[in-house]
PDB file of N, CA and C in Angstrom:
ATOM      1  N   MET A   1      13.547 -40.464 -19.651  1.00  0.00           N
ATOM      2  CA  MET A   1      14.723 -39.617 -19.481  1.00  0.00           C
ATOM      3  C   MET A   1      14.848 -38.594 -20.596  1.00  0.00           C
ATOM      4  N   LYS A   2      14.014 -38.014 -21.582  1.00  0.00           N
ATOM      5  CA  LYS A   2      14.277 -37.161 -22.121  1.00  0.00           C
ATOM      6  C   LYS A   2      13.642 -35.853 -21.276  1.00  0.00           C
ATOM      7  N   THR A   3      12.600 -36.063 -20.291  1.00  0.00           N
ATOM      8  CA  THR A   3      11.705 -35.209 -19.796  1.00  0.00           C
ATOM      9  C   THR A   3      12.880 -34.925 -18.767  1.00  0.00           C
ATOM     10  N   LEU A   4      13.806 -35.573 -17.925  1.00  0.00           N
ATOM     11  CA  LEU A   4      14.656 -35.066 -17.010  1.00  0.00           C
ATOM     12  C   LEU A   4      15.750 -34.752 -17.622  1.00  0.00           C
ATOM     13  N   ALA A   5      15.864 -34.636 -18.528  1.00  0.00           N
ATOM     14  CA  ALA A   5      17.061 -33.261 -19.498  1.00  0.00           C
ATOM     15  C   ALA A   5      16.038 -32.346 -19.732  1.00  0.00           C
ATOM     16  N   LEU A   6      15.285 -32.404 -20.011  1.00  0.00           N
ATOM     17  CA  LEU A   6      14.679 -30.859 -20.359  1.00  0.00           C
ATOM     18  C   LEU A   6      14.363 -30.260 -18.867  1.00  0.00           C
ATOM     19  N   SER A   7      13.691 -30.955 -18.107  1.00  0.00           N
ATOM     20  CA  SER A   7      14.056 -30.406 -16.734  1.00  0.00           C
ATOM     21  C   SER A   7      15.078 -29.824 -16.246  1.00  0.00           C
ATOM     22  N   SER A   8      16.254 -30.195 -16.426  1.00  0.00           N
ATOM     23  CA  SER A   8      17.039 -30.059 -15.939  1.00  0.00           C
ATOM     24  C   SER A   8      17.605 -29.165 -16.729  1.00  0.00           C
ATOM     25  N   MET A   9      17.680 -28.786 -18.089  1.00  0.00           N
ATOM     26  CA  MET A   9      18.264 -27.675 -18.557  1.00  0.00           C
ATOM     27  C   MET A   9      17.249 -26.753 -18.596  1.00  0.00           C
ATOM     28  N   ALA A  10      16.007 -26.522 -18.329  1.00  0.00           N
ATOM     29  CA  ALA A  10      15.255 -25.688 -17.607  1.00  0.00           C
ATOM     30  C   ALA A  10      15.258 -24.921 -16.607  1.00  0.00           C
ATOM     31  N   ALA A  11      16.027 -25.923 -15.695  1.00  0.00           N
ATOM     32  CA  ALA A  11      16.411 -24.940 -14.225  1.00  0.00           C
ATOM     33  C   ALA A  11      17.192 -24.263 -14.410  1.00  0.00           C
ATOM     34  N   LEU A  12      18.592 -25.020 -14.951  1.00  0.00           N
ATOM     35  CA  LEU A  12      19.504 -24.613 -15.149  1.00  0.00           C
ATOM     36  C   LEU A  12      19.350 -22.484 -16.373  1.00  0.00           C
ATOM     37  N   ILE A  13      19.060 -22.557 -16.735  1.00  0.00           N
ATOM     38  CA  ILE A  13      18.815 -21.725 -17.977  1.00  0.00           C
ATOM     39  C   ILE A  13      17.802 -20.220 -17.092  1.00  0.00           C
ATOM     40  N   ALA A  14      16.757 -20.982 -16.010  1.00  0.00           N
ATOM     41  CA  ALA A  14      16.280 -20.581 -15.231  1.00  0.00           C
ATOM     42  C   ALA A  14      17.247 -19.419 -14.007  1.00  0.00           C
ATOM     43  N   LEU A  15      18.491 -20.720 -13.496  1.00  0.00           N
ATOM     44  CA  LEU A  15      19.268 -20.006 -12.893  1.00  0.00           C
ATOM     45  C   LEU A  15      20.323 -19.034 -13.365  1.00  0.00           C
ATOM     46  N   LEU A  16      20.689 -19.398 -14.833  1.00  0.00           N
ATOM     47  CA  LEU A  16      21.577 -18.231 -15.413  1.00  0.00           C
ATOM     48  C   LEU A  16      20.833 -17.022 -15.235  1.00  0.00           C
ATOM     49  N   CYS A  17      19.655 -17.113 -15.878  1.00  0.00           N
ATOM     50  CA  CYS A  17      18.175 -15.930 -16.129  1.00  0.00           C
ATOM     51  C   CYS A  17      18.596 -14.886 -14.838  1.00  0.00           C
ATOM     52  N   ALA A  18      18.580 -15.641 -13.571  1.00  0.00           N
ATOM     53  CA  ALA A  18      18.150 -15.267 -12.205  1.00  0.00           C
ATOM     54  C   ALA A  18      19.143 -14.636 -11.739  1.00  0.00           C
ATOM     55  N   ALA A  19      20.471 -15.096 -11.918  1.00  0.00           N
ATOM     56  CA  ALA A  19      21.798 -14.379 -11.149  1.00  0.00           C
ATOM     57  C   ALA A  19      22.124 -13.217 -11.478  1.00  0.00           C
ATOM     58  N   PRO A  20      21.972 -12.827 -13.029  1.00  0.00           N
ATOM     59  CA  PRO A  20      22.274 -11.456 -13.624  1.00  0.00           C
ATOM     60  C   PRO A  20      21.158 -10.351 -13.058  1.00  0.00           C
ATOM     61  N   ALA A  21      20.226 -10.995 -13.124  1.00  0.00           N
ATOM     62  CA  ALA A  21      19.553  -9.918 -12.176  1.00  0.00           C
ATOM     63  C   ALA A  21      18.962  -8.864 -11.017  1.00  0.00           C
ATOM     64  N   SER A  22      19.806 -10.075 -10.196  1.00  0.00           N
ATOM     65  CA  SER A  22      19.787  -9.479  -8.970  1.00  0.00           C
ATOM     66  C   SER A  22      21.275  -8.320  -8.995  1.00  0.00           C
ATOM     67  N   ALA A  23      22.267  -8.446 -10.065  1.00  0.00           N
ATOM     68  CA  ALA A  23      23.087  -7.401  -9.969  1.00  0.00           C
ATOM     69  C   ALA A  23      22.638  -6.296 -10.383  1.00  0.00           C
ATOM     70  N   PHE A  24      22.240  -5.827 -11.357  1.00  0.00           N
ATOM     71  CA  PHE A  24      21.373  -4.869 -11.785  1.00  0.00           C
ATOM     72  C   PHE A  24      20.165  -4.175 -10.455  1.00  0.00           C
ATOM     73  N   GLN A  25      20.196  -4.801  -9.405  1.00  0.00           N
ATOM     74  CA  GLN A  25      19.152  -3.547  -8.698  1.00  0.00           C
ATOM     75  C   GLN A  25      20.150  -2.691  -7.674  1.00  0.00           C
ATOM     76  N   CYS A  26      21.482  -3.224  -7.414  1.00  0.00           N
ATOM     77  CA  CYS A  26      22.426  -1.742  -6.601  1.00  0.00           C
ATOM     78  C   CYS A  26      22.101  -0.666  -7.628  1.00  0.00           C
ATOM     79  N   PRO A  27      21.993  -0.510  -8.914  1.00  0.00           N
ATOM     80  CA  PRO A  27      21.743   1.389  -9.349  1.00  0.00           C
ATOM     81  C   PRO A  27      20.542   1.680  -8.619  1.00  0.00           C
ATOM     82  N   LYS A  28      19.617   0.488  -8.738  1.00  0.00           N
ATOM     83  CA  LYS A  28      18.382   0.707  -8.162  1.00  0.00           C
ATOM     84  C   LYS A  28      18.114   1.426  -6.776  1.00  0.00           C
ATOM     85  N   LEU A  29      19.012   0.616  -6.049  1.00  0.00           N
ATOM     86  CA  LEU A  29      18.931   1.239  -4.927  1.00  0.00           C
ATOM     87  C   LEU A  29      19.569   2.254  -4.421  1.00  0.00           C
ATOM     88  N   VAL A  30      20.723   2.869  -5.251  1.00  0.00           N
ATOM     89  CA  VAL A  30      21.469   3.533  -4.743  1.00  0.00           C
ATOM     90  C   VAL A  30      20.750   5.041  -5.226  1.00  0.00           C
ATOM     91  N   LYS A  31      20.052   5.033  -6.401  1.00  0.00           N
ATOM     92  CA  LYS A  31      18.946   6.248  -6.464  1.00  0.00           C
ATOM     93  C   LYS A  31      18.300   6.149  -5.508  1.00  0.00           C
ATOM     94  N   GLN A  32      17.396   5.431  -4.803  1.00  0.00           N
ATOM     95  CA  GLN A  32      16.320   5.292  -4.337  1.00  0.00           C
ATOM     96  C   GLN A  32      17.071   6.040  -2.696  1.00  0.00           C
ATOM     97  N   LEU A  33      18.214   5.460  -2.606  1.00  0.00           N
ATOM     98  CA  LEU A  33      19.053   6.605  -1.581  1.00  0.00           C
ATOM     99  C   LEU A  33      19.293   7.916  -1.933  1.00  0.00           C
ATOM    100  N   GLN A  34      19.632   8.454  -3.046  1.00  0.00           N
ATOM    101  CA  GLN A  34      19.611   9.282  -4.119  1.00  0.00           C
ATOM    102  C   GLN A  34      18.599  10.606  -3.695  1.00  0.00           C
ATOM    103  N   ASP A  35      18.142  10.162  -4.092  1.00  0.00           N
ATOM    104  CA  ASP A  35      16.316  10.301  -3.721  1.00  0.00           C
ATOM    105  C   ASP A  35      15.593  11.056  -2.785  1.00  0.00           C
ATOM    106  N   ALA A  36      16.110   9.566  -1.602  1.00  0.00           N
ATOM    107  CA  ALA A  36      15.303  10.093  -0.468  1.00  0.00           C
ATOM    108  C   ALA A  36      16.154  11.029   0.832  1.00  0.00           C
ATOM    109  N   THR A  37      17.687  11.361   0.114  1.00  0.00           N
ATOM    110  CA  THR A  37      18.149  12.075   0.536  1.00  0.00           C
ATOM    111  C   THR A  37      18.839  13.466   0.057  1.00  0.00           C
ATOM    112  N   ALA A  38      18.477  13.909  -1.136  1.00  0.00           N
ATOM    113  CA  ALA A  38      18.361  14.983  -1.651  1.00  0.00           C
ATOM    114  C   ALA A  38      18.090  16.163  -1.161  1.00  0.00           C
ATOM    115  N   ASN A  39      17.107  16.273  -0.592  1.00  0.00           N
ATOM    116  CA  ASN A  39      17.114  17.340   0.345  1.00  0.00           C
ATOM    117  C   ASN A  39      16.656  17.713   1.592  1.00  0.00           C
ATOM    118  N   ARG A  40      17.740  16.669   2.445  1.00  0.00           N
ATOM    119  CA  ARG A  40      18.107  16.369   3.794  1.00  0.00           C
ATOM    120  C   ARG A  40      19.312  16.978   4.072  1.00  0.00           C
ATOM    121  N   TYR A  41      19.365  17.420   5.064  1.00  0.00           N
ATOM    122  CA  TYR A  41      21.093  17.772   5.603  1.00  0.00           C
ATOM    123  C   TYR A  41      21.566  17.482   6.875  1.00  0.00           C
ATOM    124  N   ASP A  42      20.328  16.137   7.546  1.00  0.00           N
ATOM    125  CA  ASP A  42      20.946  15.671   8.743  1.00  0.00           C
ATOM    126  C   ASP A  42      22.296  14.839   8.653  1.00  0.00           C
ATOM    127  N   ALA A  43      22.220  14.477  10.242  1.00  0.00           N
ATOM    128  CA  ALA A  43      23.178  13.343   9.947  1.00  0.00           C
ATOM    129  C   ALA A  43      22.718  12.240   9.780  1.00  0.00           C
ATOM    130  N   THR A  44      21.490  11.476   9.795  1.00  0.00           N
ATOM    131  CA  THR A  44      21.130  10.170   8.905  1.00  0.00           C
ATOM    132  C   THR A  44      21.409  10.155   7.646  1.00  0.00           C
ATOM    133  N   ALA A  45      20.785  11.408   7.302  1.00  0.00           N
ATOM    134  CA  ALA A  45      20.739  11.748   5.945  1.00  0.00           C
ATOM    135  C   ALA A  45      22.250  11.753   4.917  1.00  0.00           C
ATOM    136  N   SER A  46      23.192  12.225   5.765  1.00  0.00           N
ATOM    137  CA  SER A  46      24.804  12.266   5.613  1.00  0.00           C
ATOM    138  C   SER A  46      25.638  10.869   5.644  1.00  0.00           C
ATOM    139  N   ALA A  47      24.934  10.204   6.792  1.00  0.00           N
ATOM    140  CA  ALA A  47      25.493   8.908   6.139  1.00  0.00           C
ATOM    141  C   ALA A  47      24.784   7.800   5.455  1.00  0.00           C
ATOM    142  N   ALA A  48      23.604   8.203   5.173  1.00  0.00           N
ATOM    143  CA  ALA A  48      23.053   7.576   4.037  1.00  0.00           C
ATOM    144  C   ALA A  48      23.813   8.085   2.347  1.00  0.00           C
ATOM    145  N   LYS A  49      24.344   9.349   2.471  1.00  0.00           N
ATOM    146  CA  LYS A  49      24.957   9.750   1.211  1.00  0.00           C
ATOM    147  C   LYS A  49      26.067   8.950   1.020  1.00  0.00           C
ATOM    148  N   VAL A  50      26.908   8.586   2.426  1.00  0.00           N
ATOM    149  CA  VAL A  50      28.049   8.333   2.454  1.00  0.00           C
ATOM    150  C   VAL A  50      27.720   6.856   2.013  1.00  0.00           C
ATOM    151  N   ALA A  51      26.942   6.140   2.463  1.00  0.00           N
ATOM    152  CA  ALA A  51      26.506   4.766   1.874  1.00  0.00           C
ATOM    153  C   ALA A  51      26.346   4.345   0.591  1.00  0.00           C
ATOM    154  N   ALA A  52      25.628   5.404   0.058  1.00  0.00           N
ATOM    155  CA  ALA A  52      25.170   5.043  -1.496  1.00  0.00           C
ATOM    156  C   ALA A  52      26.324   5.353  -1.972  1.00  0.00           C
ATOM    157  N   ALA A  53      27.417   6.164  -1.771  1.00  0.00           N
ATOM    158  CA  ALA A  53      28.586   5.770  -2.484  1.00  0.00           C
ATOM    159  C   ALA A  53      29.528   4.903  -2.568  1.00  0.00           C
ATOM    160  N   GLN A  54      29.416   4.241  -1.181  1.00  0.00           N
ATOM    161  CA  GLN A  54      29.973   3.061  -0.987  1.00  0.00           C
ATOM    162  C   GLN A  54      29.414   2.370  -1.713  1.00  0.00           C
ATOM    163  N   SER A  55      28.045   1.850  -1.866  1.00  0.00           N
ATOM    164  CA  SER A  55      27.318   1.054  -2.490  1.00  0.00           C
ATOM    165  C   SER A  55      27.997   1.019  -4.185  1.00  0.00           C
ATOM    166  N   ASN A  56      27.537   2.520  -4.191  1.00  0.00           N
ATOM    167  CA  ASN A  56      27.879   2.223  -5.904  1.00  0.00           C
ATOM    168  C   ASN A  56      29.229   1.826  -6.008  1.00  0.00           C
ATOM    169  N   ALA A  57      30.388   2.203  -5.280  1.00  0.00           N
ATOM    170  CA  ALA A  57      31.882   1.875  -5.632  1.00  0.00           C
ATOM    171  C   ALA A  57      31.890   0.488  -5.540  1.00  0.00           C
ATOM    172  N   LEU A  58      31.057  -0.329  -4.722  1.00  0.00           N
ATOM    173  CA  LEU A  58      31.216  -1.731  -4.545  1.00  0.00           C
ATOM    174  C   LEU A  58      30.700  -2.474  -5.575  1.00  0.00           C
ATOM    175  N   HIS A  59      29.291  -1.876  -6.176  1.00  0.00           N
ATOM    176  CA  HIS A  59      28.875  -2.477  -7.467  1.00  0.00           C
ATOM    177  C   HIS A  59      29.848  -2.302  -8.585  1.00  0.00           C
ATOM    178  N   ALA A  60      30.679  -0.916  -8.653  1.00  0.00           N
ATOM    179  CA  ALA A  60      31.264  -1.052  -9.686  1.00  0.00           C
ATOM    180  C   ALA A  60      32.415  -1.903  -9.438  1.00  0.00           C
ATOM    181  N   ALA A  61      32.925  -2.492  -8.427  1.00  0.00           N
ATOM    182  CA  ALA A  61      34.029  -3.487  -8.354  1.00  0.00           C
ATOM    183  C   ALA A  61      33.306  -4.815  -8.139  1.00  0.00           C
ATOM    184  N   GLY A  62      32.237  -4.893  -8.845  1.00  0.00           N
ATOM    185  CA  GLY A  62      31.557  -6.072  -9.205  1.00  0.00           C
ATOM    186  C   GLY A  62      30.966  -6.890  -7.527  1.00  0.00           C
ATOM    187  N   ASN A  63      31.036  -6.526  -6.457  1.00  0.00           N
ATOM    188  CA  ASN A  63      30.717  -7.050  -5.113  1.00  0.00           C
ATOM    189  C   ASN A  63      29.318  -6.613  -5.120  1.00  0.00           C
ATOM    190  N   HIS A  64      28.572  -6.812  -5.861  1.00  0.00           N
ATOM    191  CA  HIS A  64      26.972  -6.946  -5.718  1.00  0.00           C
ATOM    192  C   HIS A  64      26.349  -7.235  -4.066  1.00  0.00           C
ATOM    193  N   ALA A  65      26.186  -8.559  -3.999  1.00  0.00           N
ATOM    194  CA  ALA A  65      26.127  -8.600  -2.745  1.00  0.00           C
ATOM    195  C   ALA A  65      26.067  -7.938  -1.453  1.00  0.00           C
ATOM    196  N   GLU A  66      27.525  -7.364  -1.389  1.00  0.00           N
ATOM    197  CA  GLU A  66      27.669  -6.415  -0.853  1.00  0.00           C
ATOM    198  C   GLU A  66      27.099  -5.076  -0.450  1.00  0.00           C
ATOM    199  N   ALA A  67      27.441  -4.576  -1.897  1.00  0.00           N
ATOM    200  CA  ALA A  67      26.924  -2.836  -2.607  1.00  0.00           C
ATOM    201  C   ALA A  67      24.992  -3.507  -2.388  1.00  0.00           C
ATOM    202  N   GLU A  68      24.063  -4.207  -2.476  1.00  0.00           N
ATOM    203  CA  GLU A  68      23.020  -3.957  -1.829  1.00  0.00           C
ATOM    204  C   GLU A  68      22.487  -4.517  -0.906  1.00  0.00           C
ATOM    205  N   LYS A  69      23.778  -5.101   0.451  1.00  0.00           N
ATOM    206  CA  LYS A  69      23.860  -5.313   1.574  1.00  0.00           C
ATOM    207  C   LYS A  69      23.914  -3.471   2.187  1.00  0.00           C
ATOM    208  N   VAL A  70      24.876  -2.875   2.123  1.00  0.00           N
ATOM    209  CA  VAL A  70      24.890  -1.886   2.417  1.00  0.00           C
ATOM    210  C   VAL A  70      23.555  -0.580   2.017  1.00  0.00           C
ATOM    211  N   ALA A  71      23.925  -0.587   0.578  1.00  0.00           N
ATOM    212  CA  ALA A  71      22.262   0.325   0.243  1.00  0.00           C
ATOM    213  C   ALA A  71      21.024  -0.251   0.744  1.00  0.00           C
ATOM    214  N   LYS A  72      20.631  -1.633   1.510  1.00  0.00           N
ATOM    215  CA  LYS A  72      19.301  -1.495   1.773  1.00  0.00           C
ATOM    216  C   LYS A  72      19.793  -1.007   3.579  1.00  0.00           C
ATOM    217  N   ASP A  73      20.606  -1.227   4.029  1.00  0.00           N
ATOM    218  CA  ASP A  73      20.971  -0.943   5.584  1.00  0.00           C
ATOM    219  C   ASP A  73      20.803   0.683   5.295  1.00  0.00           C
ATOM    220  N   ALA A  74      21.091   0.901   5.223  1.00  0.00           N
ATOM    221  CA  ALA A  74      21.200   3.022   4.806  1.00  0.00           C
ATOM    222  C   ALA A  74      19.486   3.211   4.644  1.00  0.00           C
ATOM    223  N   LEU A  75      19.003   2.568   2.831  1.00  0.00           N
ATOM    224  CA  LEU A  75      17.617   2.907   3.648  1.00  0.00           C
ATOM    225  C   LEU A  75      16.391   2.595   4.481  1.00  0.00           C
ATOM    226  N   THR A  76      17.254   1.453   5.561  1.00  0.00           N
ATOM    227  CA  THR A  76      16.414   0.752   6.470  1.00  0.00           C
ATOM    228  C   THR A  76      16.513   1.923   7.564  1.00  0.00           C
ATOM    229  N   THR A  77      17.574   2.316   7.858  1.00  0.00           N
ATOM    230  CA  THR A  77      18.149   3.694   8.237  1.00  0.00           C
ATOM    231  C   THR A  77      17.575   5.136   8.085  1.00  0.00           C
ATOM    232  N   LEU A  78      17.171   5.192   7.040  1.00  0.00           N
ATOM    233  CA  LEU A  78      16.126   6.098   6.610  1.00  0.00           C
ATOM    234  C   LEU A  78      14.782   6.188   6.855  1.00  0.00           C
ATOM    235  N   GLY A  79      14.159   4.871   7.528  1.00  0.00           N
ATOM    236  CA  GLY A  79      12.795   4.347   7.456  1.00  0.00           C
ATOM    237  C   GLY A  79      12.039   3.766   6.115  1.00  0.00           C
ATOM    238  N   ILE A  80      13.127   3.499   5.393  1.00  0.00           N
ATOM    239  CA  ILE A  80      12.696   3.173   3.774  1.00  0.00           C
ATOM    240  C   ILE A  80      12.213   1.556   4.127  1.00  0.00           C
ATOM    241  N   LYS A  81      11.508   0.873   3.135  1.00  0.00           N
ATOM    242  CA  LYS A  81      11.436  -0.531   3.336  1.00  0.00           C
ATOM    243  C   LYS A  81      12.123  -0.720   1.807  1.00  0.00           C
ATOM    244  N   SER A  82      12.701  -1.859   1.560  1.00  0.00           N
ATOM    245  CA  SER A  82      13.733  -2.222   0.039  1.00  0.00           C
ATOM    246  C   SER A  82      13.397  -3.412  -0.483  1.00  0.00           C
TER     247      SER A  82
END
């Protein structure tokens, strides 16, 4: 019984620590987009810049899953693996 309780607590702690970590990936992805489009002026880069701004706004609003999706899609459009 004691082992089950310890295992459950360890799993709960791991889950609680993993959730906030993904929330901090959004700014990293936005920065990656900004760096990739800094010296580009084509239509694809322009769309990626808009997506970076949208992703940043979603992150600020607390919608991290959508922010990450928008940023990753834009990186894929640029040909960058995320």
